[in-house]
C-alpha atoms as a PDB file:
ATOM      1  CA  UNK A   1      18.445  -1.230 -15.895  1.00  0.00           C
ATOM      2  CA  UNK A   2      16.185  -2.313 -13.051  1.00  0.00           C
ATOM      3  CA  UNK A   3      17.607  -2.476  -9.559  1.00  0.00           C
ATOM      4  CA  UNK A   4      16.902  -5.495  -7.383  1.00  0.00           C
ATOM      5  CA  UNK A   5      13.941  -5.321  -4.998  1.00  0.00           C
ATOM      6  CA  UNK A   6      14.526  -3.615  -1.674  1.00  0.00           C
ATOM      7  CA  UNK A   7      15.302  -5.996   1.145  1.00  0.00           C
ATOM      8  CA  UNK A   8      12.401  -6.377   3.516  1.00  0.00           C
ATOM      9  CA  UNK A   9      14.946  -6.759   6.325  1.00  0.00           C
ATOM     10  CA  UNK A  10      15.783  -3.034   6.210  1.00  0.00           C
ATOM     11  CA  UNK A  11      14.956  -0.821   9.161  1.00  0.00           C
ATOM     12  CA  UNK A  12      11.485   0.748   8.769  1.00  0.00           C
ATOM     13  CA  UNK A  13      12.780   4.337   8.704  1.00  0.00           C
ATOM     14  CA  UNK A  14      15.484   3.668   6.114  1.00  0.00           C
ATOM     15  CA  UNK A  15      14.466   4.597   2.562  1.00  0.00           C
ATOM     16  CA  UNK A  16      15.575   2.219  -0.179  1.00  0.00           C
ATOM     17  CA  UNK A  17      18.878   3.159  -1.815  1.00  0.00           C
ATOM     18  CA  UNK A  18      19.133   4.841  -5.188  1.00  0.00           C
ATOM     19  CA  UNK A  19      16.526   6.117  -7.581  1.00  0.00           C
ATOM     20  CA  UNK A  20      13.006   4.726  -7.948  1.00  0.00           C
ATOM     21  CA  UNK A  21      13.171   1.377  -9.600  1.00  0.00           C
ATOM     22  CA  UNK A  22      10.984  -1.174 -11.223  1.00  0.00           C
ATOM     23  CA  UNK A  23      10.965  -4.903 -10.720  1.00  0.00           C
ATOM     24  CA  UNK A  24      10.481  -7.142 -13.766  1.00  0.00           C
ATOM     25  CA  UNK A  25       7.048  -6.473 -15.240  1.00  0.00           C
ATOM     26  CA  UNK A  26       6.679  -2.937 -13.891  1.00  0.00           C
ATOM     27  CA  UNK A  27       6.294   0.072 -16.110  1.00  0.00           C
ATOM     28  CA  UNK A  28       8.844   2.869 -15.757  1.00  0.00           C
ATOM     29  CA  UNK A  29       7.812   5.954 -13.789  1.00  0.00           C
ATOM     30  CA  UNK A  30       9.112   9.502 -13.709  1.00  0.00           C
ATOM     31  CA  UNK A  31      11.815  10.056 -11.081  1.00  0.00           C
ATOM     32  CA  UNK A  32      10.734  11.177  -7.618  1.00  0.00           C
ATOM     33  CA  UNK A  33      12.330  11.641  -4.226  1.00  0.00           C
ATOM     34  CA  UNK A  34      12.419   8.541  -2.048  1.00  0.00           C
ATOM     35  CA  UNK A  35      11.326   9.232   1.502  1.00  0.00           C
ATOM     36  CA  UNK A  36       9.625   7.339   4.327  1.00  0.00           C
ATOM     37  CA  UNK A  37       7.206  10.294   4.509  1.00  0.00           C
ATOM     38  CA  UNK A  38       5.858   9.227   1.109  1.00  0.00           C
ATOM     39  CA  UNK A  39       4.072   6.362   2.898  1.00  0.00           C
ATOM     40  CA  UNK A  40       1.575   8.900   4.240  1.00  0.00           C
ATOM     41  CA  UNK A  41       1.961   8.167   7.956  1.00  0.00           C
ATOM     42  CA  UNK A  42       4.450   7.072  10.570  1.00  0.00           C
ATOM     43  CA  UNK A  43       4.710   3.359  11.375  1.00  0.00           C
ATOM     44  CA  UNK A  44       3.057   1.864  14.432  1.00  0.00           C
ATOM     45  CA  UNK A  45       5.361   1.531  17.424  1.00  0.00           C
ATOM     46  CA  UNK A  46       6.442  -1.955  18.362  1.00  0.00           C
ATOM     47  CA  UNK A  47       5.656  -5.174  16.539  1.00  0.00           C
ATOM     48  CA  UNK A  48       2.121  -5.834  17.805  1.00  0.00           C
ATOM     49  CA  UNK A  49       0.398  -4.695  14.630  1.00  0.00           C
ATOM     50  CA  UNK A  50       2.813  -6.644  12.436  1.00  0.00           C
ATOM     51  CA  UNK A  51       1.979  -9.758  14.447  1.00  0.00           C
ATOM     52  CA  UNK A  52      -1.760  -9.013  14.257  1.00  0.00           C
ATOM     53  CA  UNK A  53      -1.429  -9.042  10.458  1.00  0.00           C
ATOM     54  CA  UNK A  54       0.591 -12.296  10.546  1.00  0.00           C
ATOM     55  CA  UNK A  55       3.868 -10.684   9.555  1.00  0.00           C
ATOM     56  CA  UNK A  56       5.062 -10.076   6.048  1.00  0.00           C
ATOM     57  CA  UNK A  57       3.478 -13.290   4.778  1.00  0.00           C
ATOM     58  CA  UNK A  58       0.048 -12.198   6.010  1.00  0.00           C
ATOM     59  CA  UNK A  59       0.516  -8.717   4.597  1.00  0.00           C
ATOM     60  CA  UNK A  60       1.423 -10.251   1.225  1.00  0.00           C
ATOM     61  CA  UNK A  61      -1.755 -12.345   1.271  1.00  0.00           C
ATOM     62  CA  UNK A  62      -3.871  -9.311   2.186  1.00  0.00           C
ATOM     63  CA  UNK A  63      -2.338  -7.212  -0.598  1.00  0.00           C
ATOM     64  CA  UNK A  64      -2.775 -10.033  -3.129  1.00  0.00           C
ATOM     65  CA  UNK A  65      -6.425 -10.514  -2.202  1.00  0.00           C
ATOM     66  CA  UNK A  66      -7.144  -6.784  -1.972  1.00  0.00           C
ATOM     67  CA  UNK A  67      -5.575  -6.264  -5.406  1.00  0.00           C
ATOM     68  CA  UNK A  68      -7.626  -9.072  -6.917  1.00  0.00           C
ATOM     69  CA  UNK A  69     -10.833  -7.751  -5.365  1.00  0.00           C
ATOM     70  CA  UNK A  70     -10.111  -4.166  -6.446  1.00  0.00           C
ATOM     71  CA  UNK A  71      -9.182  -4.936 -10.056  1.00  0.00           C
ATOM     72  CA  UNK A  72     -12.155  -7.300 -10.456  1.00  0.00           C
ATOM     73  CA  UNK A  73     -14.711  -5.090  -8.704  1.00  0.00           C
ATOM     74  CA  UNK A  74     -17.630  -3.959 -10.890  1.00  0.00           C
ATOM     75  CA  UNK A  75     -17.941  -0.706  -8.939  1.00  0.00           C
ATOM     76  CA  UNK A  76     -14.342   0.538  -8.785  1.00  0.00           C
ATOM     77  CA  UNK A  77     -12.408  -1.799 -11.086  1.00  0.00           C
ATOM     78  CA  UNK A  78     -12.294   0.839 -13.814  1.00  0.00           C
ATOM     79  CA  UNK A  79     -10.038   3.004 -11.616  1.00  0.00           C
ATOM     80  CA  UNK A  80      -7.420   0.259 -11.777  1.00  0.00           C
ATOM     81  CA  UNK A  81      -7.893  -0.709 -15.430  1.00  0.00           C
ATOM     82  CA  UNK A  82      -4.848   1.187 -16.758  1.00  0.00           C
ATOM     83  CA  UNK A  83      -2.824   1.024 -13.541  1.00  0.00           C
ATOM     84  CA  UNK A  84       0.398  -0.995 -13.376  1.00  0.00           C
ATOM     85  CA  UNK A  85      -0.713  -3.997 -11.311  1.00  0.00           C
ATOM     86  CA  UNK A  86       2.814  -5.224 -10.600  1.00  0.00           C
ATOM     87  CA  UNK A  87       3.936  -1.850  -9.222  1.00  0.00           C
ATOM     88  CA  UNK A  88       0.624  -1.403  -7.383  1.00  0.00           C
ATOM     89  CA  UNK A  89       1.055  -4.684  -5.493  1.00  0.00           C
ATOM     90  CA  UNK A  90       4.719  -4.054  -4.728  1.00  0.00           C
ATOM     91  CA  UNK A  91       4.314  -0.525  -3.436  1.00  0.00           C
ATOM     92  CA  UNK A  92       1.087  -1.307  -1.561  1.00  0.00           C
ATOM     93  CA  UNK A  93       2.824  -4.207   0.180  1.00  0.00           C
ATOM     94  CA  UNK A  94       5.759  -1.943   1.034  1.00  0.00           C
ATOM     95  CA  UNK A  95       3.432   0.749   2.367  1.00  0.00           C
ATOM     96  CA  UNK A  96       1.369  -1.629   4.505  1.00  0.00           C
ATOM     97  CA  UNK A  97       4.474  -3.466   5.733  1.00  0.00           C
ATOM     98  CA  UNK A  98       6.202  -0.161   6.576  1.00  0.00           C
ATOM     99  CA  UNK A  99       3.164   1.263   8.401  1.00  0.00           C
ATOM    100  CA  UNK A 100       2.592  -1.975  10.317  1.00  0.00           C
ATOM    101  CA  UNK A 101       6.271  -1.894  11.357  1.00  0.00           C
ATOM    102  CA  UNK A 102       6.912  -5.315   9.847  1.00  0.00           C
ATOM    103  CA  UNK A 103      10.459  -4.544   8.687  1.00  0.00           C
ATOM    104  CA  UNK A 104      10.015  -2.936   5.266  1.00  0.00           C
ATOM    105  CA  UNK A 105      10.943   0.309   3.579  1.00  0.00           C
ATOM    106  CA  UNK A 106       8.545   2.189   1.298  1.00  0.00           C
ATOM    107  CA  UNK A 107       9.900   3.073  -2.136  1.00  0.00           C
ATOM    108  CA  UNK A 108       6.724   4.489  -3.685  1.00  0.00           C
ATOM    109  CA  UNK A 109       5.637   7.996  -4.469  1.00  0.00           C
ATOM    110  CA  UNK A 110       3.744  10.209  -2.045  1.00  0.00           C
ATOM    111  CA  UNK A 111      -0.003   9.678  -1.820  1.00  0.00           C
ATOM    112  CA  UNK A 112      -1.003  12.819  -3.768  1.00  0.00           C
ATOM    113  CA  UNK A 113       1.315  11.974  -6.679  1.00  0.00           C
ATOM    114  CA  UNK A 114       0.343   8.301  -6.749  1.00  0.00           C
ATOM    115  CA  UNK A 115      -3.363   9.071  -6.917  1.00  0.00           C
ATOM    116  CA  UNK A 116      -3.202  12.113  -9.201  1.00  0.00           C
ATOM    117  CA  UNK A 117      -5.556  11.873 -12.173  1.00  0.00           C
ATOM    118  CA  UNK A 118      -7.235   8.654 -10.948  1.00  0.00           C
ATOM    119  CA  UNK A 119     -10.475  10.510 -10.232  1.00  0.00           C
ATOM    120  CA  UNK A 120     -11.155   8.711  -6.939  1.00  0.00           C
ATOM    121  CA  UNK A 121     -14.400   9.899  -5.365  1.00  0.00           C
ATOM    122  CA  UNK A 122     -15.650   9.360  -1.809  1.00  0.00           C
ATOM    123  CA  UNK A 123     -17.901   6.468  -2.852  1.00  0.00           C
ATOM    124  CA  UNK A 124     -14.876   4.817  -4.502  1.00  0.00           C
ATOM    125  CA  UNK A 125     -12.873   5.256  -1.303  1.00  0.00           C
ATOM    126  CA  UNK A 126     -15.688   3.710   0.727  1.00  0.00           C
ATOM    127  CA  UNK A 127     -15.705   0.718  -1.608  1.00  0.00           C
ATOM    128  CA  UNK A 128     -11.915   0.379  -1.358  1.00  0.00           C
ATOM    129  CA  UNK A 129     -12.198   0.296   2.428  1.00  0.00           C
ATOM    130  CA  UNK A 130     -14.865  -2.422   2.193  1.00  0.00           C
ATOM    131  CA  UNK A 131     -12.613  -4.511  -0.042  1.00  0.00           C
ATOM    132  CA  UNK A 132      -9.610  -4.001   2.230  1.00  0.00           C
ATOM    133  CA  UNK A 133     -11.713  -5.037   5.237  1.00  0.00           C
ATOM    134  CA  UNK A 134     -12.759  -8.159   3.352  1.00  0.00           C
ATOM    135  CA  UNK A 135      -9.134  -9.032   2.546  1.00  0.00           C
ATOM    136  CA  UNK A 136      -8.089  -8.446   6.162  1.00  0.00           C
ATOM    137  CA  UNK A 137     -11.014 -10.525   7.465  1.00  0.00           C
ATOM    138  CA  UNK A 138     -10.130 -13.382   5.122  1.00  0.00           C
ATOM    139  CA  UNK A 139      -6.616 -13.267   6.629  1.00  0.00           C
ATOM    140  CA  UNK A 140      -8.271 -13.483  10.086  1.00  0.00           C
ATOM    141  CA  UNK A 141      -6.992 -10.105  11.244  1.00  0.00           C
ATOM    142  CA  UNK A 142      -8.984  -9.157  14.315  1.00  0.00           C
ATOM    143  CA  UNK A 143     -11.517  -6.356  13.935  1.00  0.00           C
ATOM    144  CA  UNK A 144      -9.733  -4.114  16.475  1.00  0.00           C
ATOM    145  CA  UNK A 145      -6.445  -4.407  14.535  1.00  0.00           C
ATOM    146  CA  UNK A 146      -8.277  -3.689  11.277  1.00  0.00           C
ATOM    147  CA  UNK A 147      -9.746  -0.529  12.791  1.00  0.00           C
ATOM    148  CA  UNK A 148      -6.372   0.623  14.114  1.00  0.00           C
ATOM    149  CA  UNK A 149      -4.876   0.169  10.663  1.00  0.00           C
ATOM    150  CA  UNK A 150      -7.766   1.916   8.911  1.00  0.00           C
ATOM    151  CA  UNK A 151      -7.414   4.826  11.338  1.00  0.00           C
ATOM    152  CA  UNK A 152      -3.747   5.082  10.279  1.00  0.00           C
ATOM    153  CA  UNK A 153      -4.800   5.218   6.606  1.00  0.00           C
ATOM    154  CA  UNK A 154      -7.807   7.551   7.022  1.00  0.00           C
ATOM    155  CA  UNK A 155      -5.847  10.848   7.196  1.00  0.00           C
ATOM    156  CA  UNK A 156      -4.544  10.117   3.675  1.00  0.00           C
ATOM    157  CA  UNK A 157      -8.046  10.596   2.261  1.00  0.00           C
ATOM    158  CA  UNK A 158      -7.515  14.221   1.103  1.00  0.00           C
ATOM    159  CA  UNK A 159      -4.528  13.102  -0.981  1.00  0.00           C
ATOM    160  CA  UNK A 160      -6.522  10.287  -2.608  1.00  0.00           C
ATOM    161  CA  UNK A 161     -10.070  11.577  -3.081  1.00  0.00           C
ATOM    162  CA  UNK A 162     -10.467  14.361  -5.634  1.00  0.00           C
ATOM    163  CA  UNK A 163     -14.119  15.200  -5.120  1.00  0.00           C
END
């Protein structure tokens, strides 16, 4: 039975309770250990970055747009073709919200496990970054804040790119 979604009011360093769960519409996944370290980086200090991204509402809009752009993209869309879109959006929102210190926990898998067998190459990663920048720009996130966020995500590259 699916557990209810994790409250976004939880402290950023508090992992969600219980085993990995699915919200309605998500496919089941193999069990894994819940940990804030699974997000791939530590959150920004303070709330400045959360405000720069317009809080949880802005982060939701960015994730929605980024997901749409990624799934529809003629260059990298095939990577997402068989991926659970509902889980992707939920865990990506949680990850971004957690890293931006906007009051969320991250309940997803670690970056290496989540990207295993996707076959992401460097050119794919470059395209993903372009699409994320587009989604952030459409949300009117300032360029400096975008760069700070991208620099937080960049060290995850070895866990995402396979060749």
